[in-house]
Amino acid sequence: MSVKIMIDSASDINEAEAKELGFLFIPIQVMLEDEEYLDGVNLLPETFFDKLPTCKTMPRTSLINSFRWDDEFEKATKDGDDVVVITLSSKISGTYEAAVKSAEKFDGKIQVVDSLNAALGERLLGLYALELAKQKLSAKEIADKLNEQKNNVRIFAVIDTLEYLKKGGRISATTAFFGKMLAIKPVIGVINGKVEVIGSAKGNKKGNLYLNSTVEESGKINFDMPFGLLYSGNDKTNIEKYKISCAYLFEGRTPDTYPMGCTIGTHVGPGAVGIAYFIK
């Protein structure tokens, strides 16, 4: 009997990548205008950001309900294996609560972990879980370690456009207008499971510097744990510049770079760059 690791698509891991890495994968349903997609299956970041500018309404995501979890848990445990499930933050979606409700039907074979994160932050927790599974830990032991470490995950990003914060109701049209005039770049982070604006700077260069100082103030990066950079949209100009700006943070190491999907990308739009890591 082994332990399987299941993760949802809010981690920005797609179906093909999940199979390659060794995850069980469950996609979130996304509505773009009147069309329904499965995130990471028939909706990848490139396609999403191609479609986003022409959407008249904000894309909508649906929680993974207990009926879908029932089906996935039934398939995952039919050979006797235990499962550790990592979900999108419970402060962002009801997906975690639905998974817990479903897990109660499986006699302790399912351990559900609220990542208190999304995007690359959730992915990093998943990569750590895979390493723990290789060490032959039990599902309960893995879940306990994930719950210990999830509060050490940090994810911060600088946003290139205010348009999508305005569309999502996070800032007013007036704030967006003057912010655009002044080239204001908000810096966001996932704080206590929620996406929060934590500061701003004028222009991309100062935005990147603010992002780096936020990282430095948050605590030292734990290089024994997974870490990486993220970007939104199909133009990589901003992330290529940020790689140069933030290189000193990694002390000679080269971080992997990951595209942002629709869960957070809906709210930040294209051109965002960010960083995620565990602190020591």
Protein backbone atom coordinates (compact mmCIF):
# COMPACT_ATOMS: atom_id res chain seq x y z
CA MET A 1 0.00 0.00 0.00
CA SER A 2 1.33 3.43 -0.93
CA VAL A 3 0.32 7.06 -0.44
CA LYS A 4 -0.94 9.10 -3.36
CA ILE A 5 -0.83 12.90 -3.51
CA MET A 6 -3.82 14.66 -5.09
CA ILE A 7 -3.86 18.35 -5.98
CA ASP A 8 -6.35 20.70 -7.61
CA SER A 9 -5.71 22.93 -10.61
CA ALA A 10 -5.62 26.12 -8.52
CA SER A 11 -1.97 25.09 -8.06
CA ASP A 12 -1.47 25.99 -11.75
CA ILE A 13 -0.39 22.42 -12.39
CA ASN A 14 -2.08 21.06 -15.51
CA GLU A 15 -3.25 17.54 -16.20
CA ALA A 16 -0.26 16.50 -18.30
CA GLU A 17 2.25 17.94 -15.84
CA ALA A 18 0.49 16.30 -12.90
CA LYS A 19 0.83 12.91 -14.58
CA GLU A 20 4.51 13.54 -15.26
CA LEU A 21 5.23 14.63 -11.68
CA GLY A 22 3.17 11.86 -10.05
CA PHE A 23 0.14 13.77 -8.75
CA LEU A 24 -3.48 12.73 -8.93
CA PHE A 25 -5.16 15.76 -10.47
CA ILE A 26 -8.59 17.34 -10.19
CA PRO A 27 -9.46 20.38 -12.32
CA ILE A 28 -11.56 23.36 -11.31
CA GLN A 29 -14.40 24.32 -13.64
CA VAL A 30 -14.06 27.76 -15.26
CA MET A 31 -16.68 29.82 -17.07
CA LEU A 32 -15.41 32.19 -19.75
CA GLU A 33 -18.40 34.12 -21.05
CA ASP A 34 -20.88 31.29 -21.81
CA GLU A 35 -18.33 28.51 -22.27
CA GLU A 36 -17.30 26.05 -19.56
CA TYR A 37 -13.75 24.72 -19.36
CA LEU A 38 -11.73 22.42 -17.13
CA ASP A 39 -8.72 24.31 -15.81
CA GLY A 40 -5.49 22.61 -16.81
CA VAL A 41 -7.27 20.19 -19.14
CA ASN A 42 -8.82 22.15 -22.01
CA LEU A 43 -7.89 25.56 -20.61
CA LEU A 44 -4.16 26.23 -20.29
CA PRO A 45 -2.59 29.58 -19.32
CA GLU A 46 -1.74 30.54 -22.91
CA THR A 47 -5.34 30.07 -24.03
CA PHE A 48 -6.75 31.73 -20.94
CA PHE A 49 -4.69 34.90 -21.36
CA ASP A 50 -5.49 34.98 -25.08
CA LYS A 51 -9.19 35.02 -24.24
CA LEU A 52 -9.11 37.23 -21.12
CA PRO A 53 -8.88 40.68 -22.81
CA THR A 54 -12.01 40.04 -24.87
CA CYS A 55 -14.15 38.78 -21.97
CA LYS A 56 -17.04 41.17 -21.29
CA THR A 57 -17.59 39.60 -17.86
CA MET A 58 -15.09 38.36 -15.30
CA PRO A 59 -14.24 34.65 -15.62
CA ARG A 60 -15.87 32.56 -12.90
CA THR A 61 -14.59 29.46 -11.18
CA SER A 62 -16.74 26.82 -9.48
CA LEU A 63 -15.74 25.03 -6.31
CA ILE A 64 -15.03 21.33 -6.60
CA ASN A 65 -18.14 19.98 -4.91
CA SER A 66 -18.42 16.87 -2.72
CA PHE A 67 -19.96 14.82 -5.54
CA ARG A 68 -16.85 15.30 -7.67
CA TRP A 69 -14.62 14.58 -4.69
CA ASP A 70 -16.60 11.38 -4.02
CA ASP A 71 -15.84 10.14 -7.55
CA GLU A 72 -12.15 11.05 -7.33
CA PHE A 73 -11.70 9.51 -3.89
CA GLU A 74 -13.46 6.32 -4.98
CA LYS A 75 -11.05 5.89 -7.90
CA ALA A 76 -7.98 6.83 -5.85
CA THR A 77 -8.63 4.36 -3.02
CA LYS A 78 -10.01 1.39 -4.92
CA ASP A 79 -6.60 -0.36 -4.86
CA GLY A 80 -6.25 0.15 -1.10
CA ASP A 81 -3.95 3.17 -1.21
CA ASP A 82 -4.29 6.18 1.09
CA VAL A 83 -4.50 9.71 -0.32
CA VAL A 84 -3.29 13.13 0.79
CA VAL A 85 -5.28 15.90 -0.87
CA ILE A 86 -3.98 19.48 -1.17
CA THR A 87 -6.60 22.11 -1.96
CA LEU A 88 -6.90 25.78 -2.79
CA SER A 89 -7.13 28.02 0.29
CA SER A 90 -10.38 27.69 2.22
CA LYS A 91 -10.40 31.52 2.44
CA ILE A 92 -10.76 31.72 -1.35
CA SER A 93 -13.07 28.80 -2.17
CA GLY A 94 -15.38 26.23 -0.59
CA THR A 95 -13.38 23.45 -2.28
CA TYR A 96 -11.57 22.47 0.94
CA GLU A 97 -14.78 22.12 2.95
CA ALA A 98 -16.33 19.99 0.21
CA ALA A 99 -13.28 17.72 0.17
CA VAL A 100 -13.40 17.30 3.96
CA LYS A 101 -17.10 16.42 3.81
CA SER A 102 -16.44 13.79 1.15
CA ALA A 103 -13.36 12.38 2.93
CA GLU A 104 -15.50 11.51 5.96
CA LYS A 105 -17.04 8.68 3.89
CA PHE A 106 -13.71 6.93 3.34
CA ASP A 107 -12.81 5.62 6.81
CA GLY A 108 -9.64 7.66 7.35
CA LYS A 109 -8.05 6.82 4.01
CA ILE A 110 -8.20 10.45 2.85
CA GLN A 111 -6.21 13.25 4.52
CA VAL A 112 -7.26 16.73 3.32
CA VAL A 113 -4.86 19.66 3.68
CA ASP A 114 -5.97 23.26 3.29
CA SER A 115 -2.97 24.85 1.54
CA LEU A 116 -4.04 28.36 2.63
CA ASN A 117 -2.58 29.26 -0.73
CA ALA A 118 -3.02 29.13 -4.50
CA ALA A 119 -0.98 29.26 -7.69
CA LEU A 120 2.75 28.67 -7.14
CA GLY A 121 2.35 28.71 -3.36
CA GLU A 122 0.05 25.68 -3.55
CA ARG A 123 2.30 24.00 -6.13
CA LEU A 124 5.33 24.25 -3.83
CA LEU A 125 3.41 22.58 -1.00
CA GLY A 126 2.47 19.82 -3.44
CA LEU A 127 6.09 19.30 -4.53
CA TYR A 128 7.08 19.00 -0.88
CA ALA A 129 4.33 16.40 -0.39
CA LEU A 130 5.73 14.31 -3.25
CA GLU A 131 9.14 14.31 -1.58
CA LEU A 132 7.59 13.18 1.70
CA ALA A 133 5.72 10.38 -0.09
CA LYS A 134 9.04 9.12 -1.51
CA GLN A 135 10.26 8.82 2.08
CA LYS A 136 7.48 6.27 2.71
CA LEU A 137 5.73 8.35 5.34
CA SER A 138 2.10 7.55 6.10
CA ALA A 139 -0.70 9.76 4.80
CA LYS A 140 -1.26 11.13 8.30
CA GLU A 141 2.44 11.89 8.76
CA ILE A 142 2.57 13.68 5.41
CA ALA A 143 -0.54 15.71 6.18
CA ASP A 144 0.90 16.69 9.58
CA LYS A 145 4.15 17.90 8.01
CA LEU A 146 2.27 19.85 5.32
CA ASN A 147 0.17 21.53 8.00
CA GLU A 148 3.36 22.44 9.87
CA GLN A 149 5.08 23.88 6.81
CA LYS A 150 2.21 25.61 4.99
CA ASN A 151 2.47 28.64 7.26
CA ASN A 152 6.06 29.05 6.08
CA VAL A 153 5.06 29.45 2.43
CA ARG A 154 5.36 32.97 1.03
CA ILE A 155 4.08 34.17 -2.33
CA PHE A 156 4.28 37.77 -3.53
CA ALA A 157 3.73 39.38 -6.93
CA VAL A 158 3.79 42.80 -8.56
CA ILE A 159 0.85 43.56 -10.86
CA ASP A 160 1.35 45.28 -14.20
CA THR A 161 -2.22 46.49 -14.80
CA LEU A 162 -5.00 47.71 -12.52
CA GLU A 163 -7.74 46.81 -15.00
CA TYR A 164 -8.55 43.41 -13.54
CA LEU A 165 -8.49 44.54 -9.91
CA LYS A 166 -11.08 47.12 -11.03
CA LYS A 167 -13.19 44.54 -12.86
CA GLY A 168 -13.13 42.27 -9.82
CA GLY A 169 -14.28 45.09 -7.55
CA ARG A 170 -11.07 45.16 -5.50
CA ILE A 171 -10.39 48.80 -6.41
CA SER A 172 -12.65 51.59 -7.69
CA ALA A 173 -12.72 52.87 -11.26
CA THR A 174 -11.34 56.19 -10.01
CA THR A 175 -8.41 54.51 -8.26
CA ALA A 176 -7.71 52.46 -11.39
CA PHE A 177 -7.80 55.57 -13.59
CA PHE A 178 -5.36 57.60 -11.51
CA GLY A 179 -3.25 54.52 -10.84
CA LYS A 180 -2.84 54.01 -14.57
CA MET A 181 -1.99 57.68 -15.07
CA LEU A 182 0.73 57.45 -12.42
CA ALA A 183 1.96 53.97 -13.50
CA ILE A 184 1.21 52.53 -10.06
CA LYS A 185 2.13 48.85 -9.67
CA PRO A 186 0.45 47.12 -6.70
CA VAL A 187 2.28 44.36 -4.85
CA ILE A 188 0.08 41.52 -3.62
CA GLY A 189 0.61 38.51 -1.41
CA VAL A 190 -1.36 35.59 -0.02
CA ILE A 191 -1.77 36.56 3.62
CA ASN A 192 -3.53 34.16 6.01
CA GLY A 193 -5.06 32.38 3.03
CA LYS A 194 -6.38 35.52 1.30
CA VAL A 195 -5.04 37.57 -1.61
CA GLU A 196 -4.19 41.03 -0.24
CA VAL A 197 -2.67 44.20 -1.69
CA ILE A 198 0.31 44.86 0.59
CA GLY A 199 1.83 47.94 -1.08
CA SER A 200 2.56 49.69 -4.35
CA ALA A 201 5.31 51.43 -6.28
CA LYS A 202 5.56 53.70 -9.30
CA GLY A 203 6.68 51.88 -12.43
CA ASN A 204 7.91 48.34 -13.06
CA LYS A 205 11.49 48.93 -11.91
CA LYS A 206 10.43 50.29 -8.52
CA GLY A 207 7.72 47.64 -8.33
CA ASN A 208 10.36 44.92 -8.71
CA LEU A 209 12.52 46.57 -6.05
CA TYR A 210 9.53 46.75 -3.68
CA LEU A 211 8.83 43.07 -4.35
CA ASN A 212 12.44 42.16 -3.55
CA SER A 213 12.41 44.18 -0.32
CA THR A 214 9.17 42.43 0.69
CA VAL A 215 10.90 39.09 0.21
CA GLU A 216 13.91 40.19 2.26
CA GLU A 217 11.69 41.39 5.10
CA SER A 218 9.63 38.18 5.17
CA GLY A 219 12.47 35.92 6.29
CA LYS A 220 15.30 33.99 4.68
CA ILE A 221 14.45 31.68 1.77
CA ASN A 222 14.77 28.02 2.73
CA PHE A 223 16.73 26.56 -0.19
CA ASP A 224 16.20 23.02 1.15
CA MET A 225 12.54 23.38 0.12
CA PRO A 226 10.94 24.07 -3.28
CA PHE A 227 10.98 27.66 -4.58
CA GLY A 228 10.35 29.45 -7.87
CA LEU A 229 9.17 32.43 -9.89
CA LEU A 230 5.82 32.95 -11.60
CA TYR A 231 4.41 35.19 -14.31
CA SER A 232 1.04 35.88 -15.91
CA GLY A 233 0.22 36.30 -19.59
CA ASN A 234 1.96 35.30 -22.78
CA ASP A 235 4.49 38.15 -22.95
CA LYS A 236 7.57 37.19 -20.93
CA THR A 237 9.23 40.63 -21.04
CA ASN A 238 8.47 41.47 -17.40
CA ILE A 239 9.54 38.12 -15.99
CA GLU A 240 12.82 38.19 -17.93
CA LYS A 241 13.59 41.61 -16.40
CA TYR A 242 12.57 40.41 -12.96
CA LYS A 243 14.88 37.39 -13.19
CA ILE A 244 17.78 39.80 -13.42
CA SER A 245 16.45 42.05 -10.65
CA CYS A 246 15.88 39.23 -8.16
CA ALA A 247 18.86 36.99 -8.96
CA TYR A 248 20.74 37.98 -5.79
CA LEU A 249 17.89 36.60 -3.64
CA PHE A 250 18.73 33.05 -4.76
CA GLU A 251 22.44 33.18 -3.87
CA GLY A 252 23.67 31.66 -7.13
CA ARG A 253 20.79 29.22 -7.63
CA THR A 254 18.53 29.29 -10.69
CA PRO A 255 14.82 29.20 -9.82
CA ASP A 256 12.31 27.43 -12.04
CA THR A 257 9.73 29.75 -13.63
CA TYR A 258 6.04 28.86 -13.86
CA PRO A 259 3.07 30.37 -15.72
CA MET A 260 0.13 31.60 -13.66
CA GLY A 261 -3.26 30.09 -14.45
CA CYS A 262 -6.79 31.41 -14.17
CA THR A 263 -7.44 31.17 -10.40
CA ILE A 264 -5.26 34.18 -9.53
CA GLY A 265 -4.67 35.32 -13.13
CA THR A 266 -8.32 36.38 -13.41
CA HIS A 267 -7.72 39.05 -10.76
CA VAL A 268 -4.24 40.26 -11.72
CA GLY A 269 -4.36 40.09 -15.52
CA PRO A 270 -1.28 39.73 -17.74
CA GLY A 271 2.19 41.07 -17.02
CA ALA A 272 2.40 40.16 -13.33
CA VAL A 273 5.62 38.66 -11.94
CA GLY A 274 6.11 36.98 -8.62
CA ILE A 275 8.06 34.71 -6.34
CA ALA A 276 7.14 31.86 -3.99
CA TYR A 277 9.22 29.99 -1.42
CA PHE A 278 9.33 28.58 2.10
CA ILE A 279 11.01 30.66 4.81
CA LYS A 280 13.49 29.12 7.21
